[in-house]
Amino acid sequence: MAEAEFLSNLTRFFRNQAHFDALEHFVIPELMRIKQAAGNTTIKIWSAGCSTGEEPYSIAMLLSEILPPPWKFEIAAGDISPRSLAAGKEGFYADSQIVGISDNYLKKYFDKVDGGYKVRADIMSKIRFEHQDLKNGSALQDMDIVFCRNVLIYFDEEARAALMGHVWNSMAAKSFLFIGNSETLFGMDTRFEFVKTEWTALYRKFI
């Protein structure tokens, strides 16, 4: 396994809580306002570099809690590692891996099994795991939210710019991007707008 592939597997549920707070209190209300005006009640999310699935499952649990009917969501989760994708699709996590999940979420969205916990089928059905090599772009289109966190740090300057171009092309006209706390788009030739919220900073495609 390549070093970057290995390192990107270091993940956990609700990693960087401030991002999930901004998702709940800023991004989702903004998207609901924008999309409702267009008669669209489905929110499409891309978890890029999803590793073993903790990130997309965290997003799915949060959105299941906060989206009222008739709102729906779909999550595309991609990674370059077949082993990580297999773990995400299985949805099994050892006791040591569930740190960060509230007792309420654990009881509501997981079943206790031998050696750990299994994500329940209703949450698993919201996520489509697929192999993705981000260097080659993505066939995804019209994503409302992209989580591409702690991925840019493994690419050189030229590859980072190309990756952000691929991400831009996959996003809807009015959409939001989360990257890692140690990452920035400053100094890069991108069209993303920097957004500072009460909880954290993120980026927006607004055309």
N, C-alpha and C. Protein backbone atom coordinates (compact mmCIF):
# COMPACT_ATOMS: atom_id res chain seq x y z
N MET A 1 0.85 -1.20 0.00
CA MET A 1 0.00 0.00 0.00
C MET A 1 0.88 1.25 0.00
N ALA A 2 0.56 2.23 -0.83
CA ALA A 2 1.33 3.46 -0.88
C ALA A 2 1.19 4.24 0.41
N GLU A 3 2.23 5.05 0.70
CA GLU A 3 2.23 5.79 1.96
C GLU A 3 1.01 6.70 2.07
N ALA A 4 0.69 7.45 1.01
CA ALA A 4 -0.45 8.36 1.07
C ALA A 4 -1.74 7.61 1.31
N GLU A 5 -1.88 6.44 0.67
CA GLU A 5 -3.08 5.65 0.85
C GLU A 5 -3.20 5.18 2.29
N PHE A 6 -2.07 4.79 2.87
CA PHE A 6 -2.09 4.31 4.25
C PHE A 6 -2.44 5.44 5.20
N LEU A 7 -1.79 6.59 5.04
CA LEU A 7 -2.02 7.68 5.97
C LEU A 7 -3.44 8.21 5.90
N SER A 8 -4.03 8.21 4.71
CA SER A 8 -5.38 8.73 4.58
C SER A 8 -6.42 7.86 5.26
N ASN A 9 -6.02 6.66 5.70
CA ASN A 9 -6.94 5.78 6.40
C ASN A 9 -7.07 6.11 7.88
N LEU A 10 -6.30 7.09 8.37
CA LEU A 10 -6.38 7.47 9.77
C LEU A 10 -7.61 8.36 9.95
N THR A 11 -8.69 7.77 10.45
CA THR A 11 -9.96 8.50 10.50
C THR A 11 -10.74 8.07 11.73
N ARG A 12 -11.84 8.76 11.97
CA ARG A 12 -12.74 8.37 13.06
C ARG A 12 -14.09 9.03 12.81
N PHE A 13 -15.09 8.58 13.54
CA PHE A 13 -16.42 9.17 13.41
C PHE A 13 -16.42 10.62 13.90
N PHE A 14 -17.14 11.47 13.18
CA PHE A 14 -17.30 12.89 13.52
C PHE A 14 -15.95 13.57 13.77
N ARG A 15 -14.99 13.23 12.92
CA ARG A 15 -13.68 13.87 13.02
C ARG A 15 -13.81 15.35 12.70
N ASN A 16 -13.27 16.18 13.57
CA ASN A 16 -13.40 17.64 13.50
C ASN A 16 -14.86 18.05 13.64
N GLN A 17 -15.33 18.05 14.86
CA GLN A 17 -16.73 18.32 15.15
C GLN A 17 -17.19 19.67 14.60
N ALA A 18 -16.27 20.64 14.53
CA ALA A 18 -16.65 21.97 14.02
C ALA A 18 -17.18 21.90 12.60
N HIS A 19 -16.66 20.99 11.79
CA HIS A 19 -17.16 20.84 10.43
C HIS A 19 -18.61 20.34 10.44
N PHE A 20 -18.91 19.43 11.33
CA PHE A 20 -20.27 18.91 11.40
C PHE A 20 -21.23 19.94 11.99
N ASP A 21 -20.72 20.78 12.89
CA ASP A 21 -21.55 21.88 13.41
C ASP A 21 -21.89 22.86 12.29
N ALA A 22 -20.88 23.19 11.46
CA ALA A 22 -21.13 24.10 10.34
C ALA A 22 -22.06 23.48 9.32
N LEU A 23 -21.92 22.17 9.11
CA LEU A 23 -22.81 21.45 8.21
C LEU A 23 -24.25 21.56 8.69
N GLU A 24 -24.46 21.34 9.98
CA GLU A 24 -25.81 21.35 10.53
C GLU A 24 -26.42 22.75 10.57
N HIS A 25 -25.64 23.72 11.04
CA HIS A 25 -26.22 25.02 11.35
C HIS A 25 -26.08 26.06 10.24
N PHE A 26 -25.20 25.81 9.28
CA PHE A 26 -25.01 26.79 8.20
C PHE A 26 -25.26 26.19 6.82
N VAL A 27 -24.56 25.13 6.48
CA VAL A 27 -24.62 24.60 5.12
C VAL A 27 -26.00 24.04 4.78
N ILE A 28 -26.52 23.16 5.64
CA ILE A 28 -27.81 22.55 5.35
C ILE A 28 -28.94 23.58 5.28
N PRO A 29 -29.04 24.53 6.22
CA PRO A 29 -30.09 25.55 6.07
C PRO A 29 -29.95 26.37 4.79
N GLU A 30 -28.70 26.69 4.40
CA GLU A 30 -28.49 27.43 3.16
C GLU A 30 -28.94 26.62 1.95
N LEU A 31 -28.56 25.36 1.91
CA LEU A 31 -28.94 24.51 0.79
C LEU A 31 -30.45 24.29 0.73
N MET A 32 -31.08 24.13 1.87
CA MET A 32 -32.53 23.95 1.88
C MET A 32 -33.22 25.18 1.31
N ARG A 33 -32.73 26.33 1.65
CA ARG A 33 -33.32 27.57 1.12
C ARG A 33 -33.12 27.65 -0.39
N ILE A 34 -31.92 27.36 -0.85
CA ILE A 34 -31.60 27.46 -2.28
C ILE A 34 -32.36 26.42 -3.09
N LYS A 35 -32.34 25.18 -2.61
CA LYS A 35 -32.92 24.09 -3.39
C LYS A 35 -34.44 24.10 -3.34
N GLN A 36 -34.99 24.51 -2.23
CA GLN A 36 -36.46 24.55 -2.14
C GLN A 36 -37.02 25.55 -3.14
N ALA A 37 -36.31 26.65 -3.36
CA ALA A 37 -36.77 27.64 -4.33
C ALA A 37 -36.79 27.07 -5.74
N ALA A 38 -35.95 26.04 -5.97
CA ALA A 38 -35.89 25.40 -7.28
C ALA A 38 -36.76 24.14 -7.33
N GLY A 39 -37.48 23.85 -6.25
CA GLY A 39 -38.35 22.68 -6.22
C GLY A 39 -37.60 21.36 -6.09
N ASN A 40 -36.40 21.39 -5.54
CA ASN A 40 -35.56 20.20 -5.40
C ASN A 40 -35.37 19.91 -3.91
N THR A 41 -35.74 18.72 -3.46
CA THR A 41 -35.63 18.39 -2.05
C THR A 41 -34.66 17.23 -1.78
N THR A 42 -33.69 17.04 -2.67
CA THR A 42 -32.66 16.02 -2.47
C THR A 42 -31.30 16.67 -2.39
N ILE A 43 -30.55 16.36 -1.34
CA ILE A 43 -29.20 16.89 -1.15
C ILE A 43 -28.20 15.79 -1.47
N LYS A 44 -27.25 16.12 -2.34
CA LYS A 44 -26.26 15.15 -2.81
C LYS A 44 -24.89 15.48 -2.22
N ILE A 45 -24.28 14.48 -1.58
CA ILE A 45 -23.02 14.68 -0.88
C ILE A 45 -21.97 13.72 -1.43
N TRP A 46 -20.74 14.21 -1.54
CA TRP A 46 -19.62 13.39 -1.95
C TRP A 46 -18.59 13.38 -0.83
N SER A 47 -18.28 12.19 -0.32
CA SER A 47 -17.20 12.00 0.64
C SER A 47 -16.00 11.46 -0.13
N ALA A 48 -15.07 12.34 -0.49
CA ALA A 48 -13.91 11.98 -1.30
C ALA A 48 -12.76 11.56 -0.39
N GLY A 49 -12.16 10.41 -0.67
CA GLY A 49 -11.15 9.88 0.23
C GLY A 49 -11.80 9.41 1.51
N CYS A 50 -12.85 8.59 1.36
CA CYS A 50 -13.71 8.25 2.50
C CYS A 50 -13.10 7.23 3.44
N SER A 51 -11.96 6.63 3.06
CA SER A 51 -11.30 5.64 3.89
C SER A 51 -12.25 4.50 4.24
N THR A 52 -12.36 4.14 5.51
CA THR A 52 -13.16 2.99 5.92
C THR A 52 -14.60 3.34 6.27
N GLY A 53 -15.05 4.53 5.90
CA GLY A 53 -16.46 4.85 5.96
C GLY A 53 -16.95 5.69 7.12
N GLU A 54 -16.06 6.00 8.07
CA GLU A 54 -16.53 6.76 9.22
C GLU A 54 -17.11 8.12 8.83
N GLU A 55 -16.47 8.79 7.87
CA GLU A 55 -16.97 10.11 7.47
C GLU A 55 -18.35 10.05 6.82
N PRO A 56 -18.56 9.24 5.77
CA PRO A 56 -19.91 9.22 5.18
C PRO A 56 -20.99 8.73 6.14
N TYR A 57 -20.66 7.78 7.01
CA TYR A 57 -21.65 7.34 7.98
C TYR A 57 -21.97 8.44 8.98
N SER A 58 -20.97 9.22 9.37
CA SER A 58 -21.22 10.35 10.27
C SER A 58 -22.15 11.36 9.63
N ILE A 59 -21.90 11.66 8.36
CA ILE A 59 -22.76 12.60 7.62
C ILE A 59 -24.18 12.05 7.52
N ALA A 60 -24.29 10.77 7.23
CA ALA A 60 -25.61 10.15 7.08
C ALA A 60 -26.40 10.19 8.38
N MET A 61 -25.75 9.92 9.49
CA MET A 61 -26.45 9.97 10.78
C MET A 61 -26.93 11.37 11.09
N LEU A 62 -26.06 12.36 10.87
CA LEU A 62 -26.45 13.75 11.16
C LEU A 62 -27.62 14.18 10.29
N LEU A 63 -27.54 13.92 8.99
CA LEU A 63 -28.61 14.35 8.09
C LEU A 63 -29.91 13.61 8.37
N SER A 64 -29.81 12.36 8.81
CA SER A 64 -31.02 11.62 9.19
C SER A 64 -31.71 12.27 10.37
N GLU A 65 -30.94 12.92 11.22
CA GLU A 65 -31.49 13.58 12.40
C GLU A 65 -32.13 14.93 12.05
N ILE A 66 -31.51 15.68 11.15
CA ILE A 66 -31.91 17.08 11.00
C ILE A 66 -32.77 17.39 9.78
N LEU A 67 -32.82 16.50 8.79
CA LEU A 67 -33.61 16.79 7.59
C LEU A 67 -35.07 16.38 7.80
N PRO A 68 -35.99 17.30 7.69
CA PRO A 68 -37.41 16.95 7.82
C PRO A 68 -37.95 16.43 6.50
N PRO A 69 -39.04 15.66 6.54
CA PRO A 69 -39.71 15.25 5.30
C PRO A 69 -40.18 16.51 4.56
N PRO A 70 -40.16 16.53 3.24
CA PRO A 70 -39.85 15.42 2.32
C PRO A 70 -38.39 15.38 1.88
N TRP A 71 -37.51 16.03 2.64
CA TRP A 71 -36.10 16.12 2.24
C TRP A 71 -35.43 14.75 2.30
N LYS A 72 -34.56 14.51 1.31
CA LYS A 72 -33.79 13.27 1.24
C LYS A 72 -32.33 13.61 0.97
N PHE A 73 -31.48 12.61 1.15
CA PHE A 73 -30.07 12.83 0.82
C PHE A 73 -29.46 11.56 0.23
N GLU A 74 -28.42 11.77 -0.57
CA GLU A 74 -27.68 10.67 -1.17
C GLU A 74 -26.19 10.95 -0.96
N ILE A 75 -25.43 9.92 -0.60
CA ILE A 75 -24.00 10.10 -0.36
C ILE A 75 -23.21 9.17 -1.26
N ALA A 76 -22.28 9.75 -2.02
CA ALA A 76 -21.32 8.98 -2.79
C ALA A 76 -20.00 9.00 -2.02
N ALA A 77 -19.47 7.83 -1.71
CA ALA A 77 -18.24 7.73 -0.93
C ALA A 77 -17.18 7.01 -1.75
N GLY A 78 -16.06 7.65 -1.98
CA GLY A 78 -15.03 7.06 -2.83
C GLY A 78 -13.68 7.01 -2.17
N ASP A 79 -12.91 6.00 -2.53
CA ASP A 79 -11.54 5.87 -2.03
C ASP A 79 -10.73 5.05 -3.03
N ILE A 80 -9.41 5.21 -2.98
CA ILE A 80 -8.54 4.46 -3.89
C ILE A 80 -8.22 3.07 -3.37
N SER A 81 -8.44 2.84 -2.07
CA SER A 81 -8.07 1.58 -1.43
C SER A 81 -9.22 0.57 -1.46
N PRO A 82 -9.10 -0.55 -2.15
CA PRO A 82 -10.14 -1.58 -2.12
C PRO A 82 -10.39 -2.11 -0.71
N ARG A 83 -9.34 -2.22 0.07
CA ARG A 83 -9.51 -2.73 1.43
C ARG A 83 -10.35 -1.77 2.28
N SER A 84 -10.08 -0.47 2.15
CA SER A 84 -10.88 0.51 2.89
C SER A 84 -12.33 0.50 2.45
N LEU A 85 -12.55 0.43 1.15
CA LEU A 85 -13.91 0.40 0.64
C LEU A 85 -14.67 -0.83 1.12
N ALA A 86 -13.99 -1.96 1.16
CA ALA A 86 -14.63 -3.19 1.64
C ALA A 86 -15.07 -3.03 3.09
N ALA A 87 -14.22 -2.39 3.90
CA ALA A 87 -14.57 -2.16 5.31
C ALA A 87 -15.76 -1.21 5.42
N GLY A 88 -15.77 -0.17 4.59
CA GLY A 88 -16.90 0.76 4.62
C GLY A 88 -18.20 0.10 4.22
N LYS A 89 -18.15 -0.71 3.17
CA LYS A 89 -19.35 -1.40 2.72
C LYS A 89 -19.87 -2.38 3.76
N GLU A 90 -18.95 -3.01 4.49
CA GLU A 90 -19.37 -3.97 5.52
C GLU A 90 -20.05 -3.26 6.68
N GLY A 91 -19.57 -2.07 7.03
CA GLY A 91 -20.19 -1.29 8.09
C GLY A 91 -19.99 -1.83 9.48
N PHE A 92 -18.93 -2.62 9.68
CA PHE A 92 -18.63 -3.15 11.02
C PHE A 92 -17.47 -2.36 11.61
N TYR A 93 -17.62 -1.98 12.90
CA TYR A 93 -16.58 -1.22 13.59
C TYR A 93 -16.37 -1.81 14.98
N ALA A 94 -15.11 -2.06 15.29
CA ALA A 94 -14.76 -2.60 16.60
C ALA A 94 -15.07 -1.59 17.69
N ASP A 95 -15.15 -2.07 18.92
CA ASP A 95 -15.46 -1.19 20.05
C ASP A 95 -14.53 0.02 20.09
N SER A 96 -13.25 -0.20 19.76
CA SER A 96 -12.26 0.87 19.82
C SER A 96 -12.45 1.91 18.72
N GLN A 97 -13.27 1.63 17.72
CA GLN A 97 -13.45 2.53 16.59
C GLN A 97 -14.68 3.44 16.70
N ILE A 98 -15.47 3.26 17.72
CA ILE A 98 -16.72 4.03 17.80
C ILE A 98 -16.59 5.28 18.66
N VAL A 99 -15.37 5.63 19.02
CA VAL A 99 -15.13 6.86 19.77
C VAL A 99 -15.65 8.03 18.95
N GLY A 100 -16.38 8.94 19.61
CA GLY A 100 -16.92 10.10 18.92
C GLY A 100 -18.40 10.00 18.60
N ILE A 101 -18.97 8.82 18.77
CA ILE A 101 -20.39 8.64 18.50
C ILE A 101 -21.17 8.76 19.81
N SER A 102 -22.19 9.60 19.83
CA SER A 102 -22.99 9.76 21.04
C SER A 102 -23.75 8.48 21.34
N ASP A 103 -24.13 8.31 22.58
CA ASP A 103 -24.91 7.13 22.97
C ASP A 103 -26.23 7.05 22.20
N ASN A 104 -26.82 8.21 21.95
CA ASN A 104 -28.09 8.25 21.22
C ASN A 104 -27.91 7.73 19.79
N TYR A 105 -26.87 8.20 19.11
CA TYR A 105 -26.60 7.75 17.75
C TYR A 105 -26.23 6.27 17.73
N LEU A 106 -25.48 5.85 18.71
CA LEU A 106 -25.04 4.46 18.76
C LEU A 106 -26.24 3.52 18.89
N LYS A 107 -27.18 3.88 19.73
CA LYS A 107 -28.37 3.06 19.93
C LYS A 107 -29.31 3.11 18.72
N LYS A 108 -29.35 4.24 18.05
CA LYS A 108 -30.30 4.45 16.98
C LYS A 108 -29.82 3.93 15.63
N TYR A 109 -28.51 3.98 15.39
CA TYR A 109 -28.00 3.70 14.05
C TYR A 109 -27.05 2.50 13.96
N PHE A 110 -26.82 1.82 15.09
CA PHE A 110 -25.94 0.65 15.09
C PHE A 110 -26.60 -0.50 15.82
N ASP A 111 -26.21 -1.71 15.46
CA ASP A 111 -26.57 -2.91 16.21
C ASP A 111 -25.31 -3.45 16.87
N LYS A 112 -25.42 -3.85 18.14
CA LYS A 112 -24.28 -4.45 18.84
C LYS A 112 -24.12 -5.88 18.36
N VAL A 113 -22.91 -6.21 17.92
CA VAL A 113 -22.58 -7.55 17.47
C VAL A 113 -21.30 -7.99 18.14
N ASP A 114 -20.92 -9.24 17.94
CA ASP A 114 -19.70 -9.75 18.56
C ASP A 114 -18.50 -8.91 18.13
N GLY A 115 -17.80 -8.37 19.10
CA GLY A 115 -16.57 -7.64 18.83
C GLY A 115 -16.73 -6.19 18.46
N GLY A 116 -17.97 -5.70 18.34
CA GLY A 116 -18.13 -4.30 17.97
C GLY A 116 -19.56 -3.95 17.62
N TYR A 117 -19.70 -3.11 16.59
CA TYR A 117 -21.00 -2.59 16.19
C TYR A 117 -21.15 -2.64 14.68
N LYS A 118 -22.38 -2.84 14.22
CA LYS A 118 -22.70 -2.90 12.80
C LYS A 118 -23.68 -1.78 12.46
N VAL A 119 -23.36 -1.00 11.42
CA VAL A 119 -24.25 0.07 10.98
C VAL A 119 -25.55 -0.55 10.47
N ARG A 120 -26.66 0.03 10.85
CA ARG A 120 -27.95 -0.50 10.45
C ARG A 120 -28.23 -0.27 8.96
N ALA A 121 -29.05 -1.14 8.41
CA ALA A 121 -29.27 -1.18 6.96
C ALA A 121 -29.85 0.12 6.42
N ASP A 122 -30.69 0.80 7.19
CA ASP A 122 -31.31 2.02 6.66
C ASP A 122 -30.29 3.12 6.44
N ILE A 123 -29.24 3.16 7.26
CA ILE A 123 -28.17 4.14 7.06
C ILE A 123 -27.24 3.68 5.95
N MET A 124 -26.93 2.39 5.92
CA MET A 124 -26.06 1.87 4.87
C MET A 124 -26.65 2.12 3.48
N SER A 125 -27.96 2.06 3.38
CA SER A 125 -28.61 2.23 2.07
C SER A 125 -28.49 3.64 1.53
N LYS A 126 -28.10 4.60 2.36
CA LYS A 126 -27.98 5.99 1.92
C LYS A 126 -26.63 6.26 1.25
N ILE A 127 -25.70 5.30 1.33
CA ILE A 127 -24.32 5.54 0.89
C ILE A 127 -23.95 4.57 -0.22
N ARG A 128 -23.36 5.12 -1.26
CA ARG A 128 -22.84 4.32 -2.37
C ARG A 128 -21.32 4.38 -2.35
N PHE A 129 -20.67 3.29 -2.00
CA PHE A 129 -19.21 3.23 -1.98
C PHE A 129 -18.70 2.83 -3.36
N GLU A 130 -17.65 3.51 -3.82
CA GLU A 130 -17.10 3.19 -5.13
C GLU A 130 -15.61 3.53 -5.18
N HIS A 131 -14.89 2.79 -6.01
CA HIS A 131 -13.46 3.04 -6.17
C HIS A 131 -13.26 4.35 -6.93
N GLN A 132 -12.38 5.21 -6.40
CA GLN A 132 -12.08 6.49 -7.04
C GLN A 132 -10.59 6.79 -6.92
N ASP A 133 -9.98 7.14 -8.02
CA ASP A 133 -8.63 7.67 -8.02
C ASP A 133 -8.77 9.16 -8.31
N LEU A 134 -8.62 9.98 -7.29
CA LEU A 134 -8.92 11.40 -7.42
C LEU A 134 -8.04 12.10 -8.45
N LYS A 135 -6.89 11.54 -8.75
CA LYS A 135 -6.01 12.14 -9.77
C LYS A 135 -6.67 12.10 -11.15
N ASN A 136 -7.58 11.18 -11.32
CA ASN A 136 -8.22 11.01 -12.63
C ASN A 136 -9.60 11.65 -12.71
N GLY A 137 -9.98 12.38 -11.69
CA GLY A 137 -11.28 13.03 -11.70
C GLY A 137 -12.39 12.09 -11.26
N SER A 138 -13.62 12.52 -11.47
CA SER A 138 -14.78 11.75 -11.03
C SER A 138 -15.92 11.95 -12.02
N ALA A 139 -16.74 10.93 -12.14
CA ALA A 139 -17.92 11.03 -13.00
C ALA A 139 -19.10 11.66 -12.26
N LEU A 140 -18.95 11.95 -10.99
CA LEU A 140 -20.02 12.54 -10.21
C LEU A 140 -20.36 13.93 -10.72
N GLN A 141 -21.63 14.28 -10.63
CA GLN A 141 -22.09 15.58 -11.08
C GLN A 141 -23.09 16.17 -10.09
N ASP A 142 -23.13 17.50 -10.04
CA ASP A 142 -24.15 18.23 -9.27
C ASP A 142 -24.15 17.91 -7.79
N MET A 143 -22.96 17.71 -7.22
CA MET A 143 -22.85 17.49 -5.78
C MET A 143 -23.11 18.79 -5.03
N ASP A 144 -23.95 18.74 -4.03
CA ASP A 144 -24.26 19.93 -3.22
C ASP A 144 -23.24 20.17 -2.12
N ILE A 145 -22.64 19.10 -1.63
CA ILE A 145 -21.64 19.18 -0.56
C ILE A 145 -20.53 18.21 -0.90
N VAL A 146 -19.29 18.67 -0.76
CA VAL A 146 -18.14 17.78 -0.93
C VAL A 146 -17.28 17.85 0.33
N PHE A 147 -16.99 16.70 0.90
CA PHE A 147 -16.00 16.56 1.95
C PHE A 147 -14.75 15.98 1.30
N CYS A 148 -13.70 16.78 1.20
CA CYS A 148 -12.43 16.32 0.64
C CYS A 148 -11.35 16.71 1.66
N ARG A 149 -11.40 16.08 2.80
CA ARG A 149 -10.58 16.49 3.93
C ARG A 149 -9.32 15.63 4.06
N ASN A 150 -8.21 16.32 4.34
CA ASN A 150 -6.94 15.63 4.56
C ASN A 150 -6.54 14.78 3.36
N VAL A 151 -6.82 15.30 2.19
CA VAL A 151 -6.45 14.66 0.93
C VAL A 151 -5.40 15.48 0.19
N LEU A 152 -5.60 16.80 0.17
CA LEU A 152 -4.69 17.68 -0.55
C LEU A 152 -3.25 17.58 -0.07
N ILE A 153 -3.06 17.29 1.20
CA ILE A 153 -1.72 17.26 1.77
C ILE A 153 -0.84 16.16 1.17
N TYR A 154 -1.46 15.21 0.48
CA TYR A 154 -0.70 14.11 -0.11
C TYR A 154 -0.37 14.34 -1.58
N PHE A 155 -0.69 15.54 -2.11
CA PHE A 155 -0.43 15.85 -3.51
C PHE A 155 0.52 17.04 -3.61
N ASP A 156 1.27 17.09 -4.70
CA ASP A 156 2.10 18.26 -4.94
C ASP A 156 1.24 19.40 -5.47
N GLU A 157 1.86 20.56 -5.66
CA GLU A 157 1.10 21.77 -6.01
C GLU A 157 0.31 21.60 -7.29
N GLU A 158 0.93 21.04 -8.31
CA GLU A 158 0.25 20.87 -9.59
C GLU A 158 -0.93 19.90 -9.46
N ALA A 159 -0.71 18.80 -8.75
CA ALA A 159 -1.77 17.81 -8.59
C ALA A 159 -2.91 18.35 -7.73
N ARG A 160 -2.60 19.19 -6.74
CA ARG A 160 -3.66 19.80 -5.93
C ARG A 160 -4.57 20.68 -6.77
N ALA A 161 -3.95 21.47 -7.64
CA ALA A 161 -4.75 22.34 -8.51
C ALA A 161 -5.63 21.52 -9.44
N ALA A 162 -5.07 20.43 -9.98
CA ALA A 162 -5.87 19.58 -10.87
C ALA A 162 -7.01 18.93 -10.10
N LEU A 163 -6.74 18.47 -8.88
CA LEU A 163 -7.77 17.85 -8.06
C LEU A 163 -8.90 18.82 -7.78
N MET A 164 -8.56 20.05 -7.42
CA MET A 164 -9.61 21.03 -7.13
C MET A 164 -10.42 21.36 -8.39
N GLY A 165 -9.78 21.28 -9.55
CA GLY A 165 -10.53 21.45 -10.79
C GLY A 165 -11.53 20.33 -11.00
N HIS A 166 -11.12 19.09 -10.69
CA HIS A 166 -12.03 17.94 -10.79
C HIS A 166 -13.20 18.10 -9.81
N VAL A 167 -12.89 18.53 -8.61
CA VAL A 167 -13.93 18.70 -7.59
C VAL A 167 -14.91 19.78 -8.04
N TRP A 168 -14.39 20.89 -8.52
CA TRP A 168 -15.24 21.98 -9.01
C TRP A 168 -16.22 21.48 -10.06
N ASN A 169 -15.72 20.71 -10.99
CA ASN A 169 -16.55 20.21 -12.08
C ASN A 169 -17.63 19.24 -11.61
N SER A 170 -17.43 18.63 -10.46
CA SER A 170 -18.40 17.66 -9.93
C SER A 170 -19.48 18.32 -9.08
N MET A 171 -19.30 19.61 -8.78
CA MET A 171 -20.20 20.28 -7.84
C MET A 171 -21.30 21.05 -8.55
N ALA A 172 -22.43 21.19 -7.85
CA ALA A 172 -23.55 21.98 -8.34
C ALA A 172 -23.18 23.46 -8.34
N ALA A 173 -24.00 24.27 -8.99
CA ALA A 173 -23.71 25.70 -9.13
C ALA A 173 -23.65 26.42 -7.79
N LYS A 174 -24.44 25.99 -6.84
CA LYS A 174 -24.45 26.60 -5.51
C LYS A 174 -24.22 25.48 -4.50
N SER A 175 -22.97 25.33 -4.09
CA SER A 175 -22.59 24.15 -3.31
C SER A 175 -21.43 24.49 -2.39
N PHE A 176 -21.07 23.53 -1.52
CA PHE A 176 -20.10 23.80 -0.46
C PHE A 176 -19.03 22.72 -0.38
N LEU A 177 -17.81 23.15 -0.02
CA LEU A 177 -16.65 22.26 0.06
C LEU A 177 -16.00 22.36 1.42
N PHE A 178 -15.76 21.19 2.04
CA PHE A 178 -14.97 21.11 3.26
C PHE A 178 -13.62 20.47 2.94
N ILE A 179 -12.53 21.11 3.40
CA ILE A 179 -11.21 20.49 3.33
C ILE A 179 -10.66 20.41 4.75
N GLY A 180 -9.50 19.80 4.91
CA GLY A 180 -8.95 19.59 6.25
C GLY A 180 -8.46 20.87 6.90
N ASN A 181 -8.37 20.85 8.21
CA ASN A 181 -7.93 22.03 8.96
C ASN A 181 -6.52 22.46 8.59
N SER A 182 -5.69 21.52 8.21
CA SER A 182 -4.30 21.84 7.86
C SER A 182 -4.15 22.17 6.38
N GLU A 183 -5.25 22.24 5.66
CA GLU A 183 -5.22 22.49 4.22
C GLU A 183 -5.82 23.85 3.90
N THR A 184 -5.44 24.40 2.77
CA THR A 184 -5.96 25.69 2.33
C THR A 184 -5.95 25.76 0.82
N LEU A 185 -6.84 26.57 0.27
CA LEU A 185 -6.85 26.85 -1.16
C LEU A 185 -6.20 28.18 -1.47
N PHE A 186 -5.77 28.90 -0.44
CA PHE A 186 -5.12 30.19 -0.67
C PHE A 186 -3.86 30.00 -1.50
N GLY A 187 -3.71 30.87 -2.49
CA GLY A 187 -2.56 30.79 -3.38
C GLY A 187 -2.77 29.87 -4.56
N MET A 188 -3.87 29.14 -4.56
CA MET A 188 -4.18 28.25 -5.67
C MET A 188 -5.11 28.96 -6.65
N ASP A 189 -4.99 28.61 -7.91
CA ASP A 189 -5.83 29.21 -8.94
C ASP A 189 -7.15 28.45 -9.02
N THR A 190 -8.06 28.77 -8.11
CA THR A 190 -9.39 28.16 -8.10
C THR A 190 -10.44 29.26 -8.06
N ARG A 191 -11.68 28.88 -8.33
CA ARG A 191 -12.77 29.85 -8.31
C ARG A 191 -13.64 29.71 -7.05
N PHE A 192 -13.18 28.92 -6.10
CA PHE A 192 -13.95 28.76 -4.87
C PHE A 192 -13.90 30.02 -4.03
N GLU A 193 -15.01 30.32 -3.39
CA GLU A 193 -15.08 31.45 -2.46
C GLU A 193 -14.82 30.95 -1.04
N PHE A 194 -14.02 31.69 -0.29
CA PHE A 194 -13.76 31.38 1.11
C PHE A 194 -14.93 31.86 1.96
N VAL A 195 -15.41 30.99 2.84
CA VAL A 195 -16.55 31.33 3.71
C VAL A 195 -16.15 31.10 5.16
N LYS A 196 -16.25 32.12 5.98
CA LYS A 196 -15.96 32.00 7.41
C LYS A 196 -17.28 31.97 8.16
N THR A 197 -17.53 30.87 8.86
CA THR A 197 -18.75 30.75 9.64
C THR A 197 -18.43 30.84 11.13
N GLU A 198 -19.45 30.82 11.93
CA GLU A 198 -19.27 30.85 13.39
C GLU A 198 -18.51 29.63 13.89
N TRP A 199 -18.57 28.53 13.12
CA TRP A 199 -18.02 27.27 13.59
C TRP A 199 -16.68 26.93 12.95
N THR A 200 -16.55 27.17 11.67
CA THR A 200 -15.31 26.86 10.96
C THR A 200 -15.32 27.54 9.60
N ALA A 201 -14.18 27.47 8.92
CA ALA A 201 -14.09 28.01 7.56
C ALA A 201 -14.32 26.90 6.55
N LEU A 202 -14.90 27.27 5.42
CA LEU A 202 -15.13 26.32 4.34
C LEU A 202 -15.13 27.08 3.03
N TYR A 203 -15.45 26.41 1.94
CA TYR A 203 -15.44 27.03 0.63
C TYR A 203 -16.78 26.82 -0.08
N ARG A 204 -17.04 27.72 -1.03
CA ARG A 204 -18.32 27.67 -1.72
C ARG A 204 -18.11 27.86 -3.22
N LYS A 205 -18.83 27.06 -3.97
CA LYS A 205 -18.97 27.29 -5.42
C LYS A 205 -20.28 28.01 -5.62
N PHE A 206 -20.21 29.24 -6.07
CA PHE A 206 -21.44 30.03 -6.17
C PHE A 206 -21.43 30.75 -7.51
N ILE A 207 -22.05 30.11 -8.51
CA ILE A 207 -22.13 30.72 -9.84
C ILE A 207 -23.56 30.63 -10.35
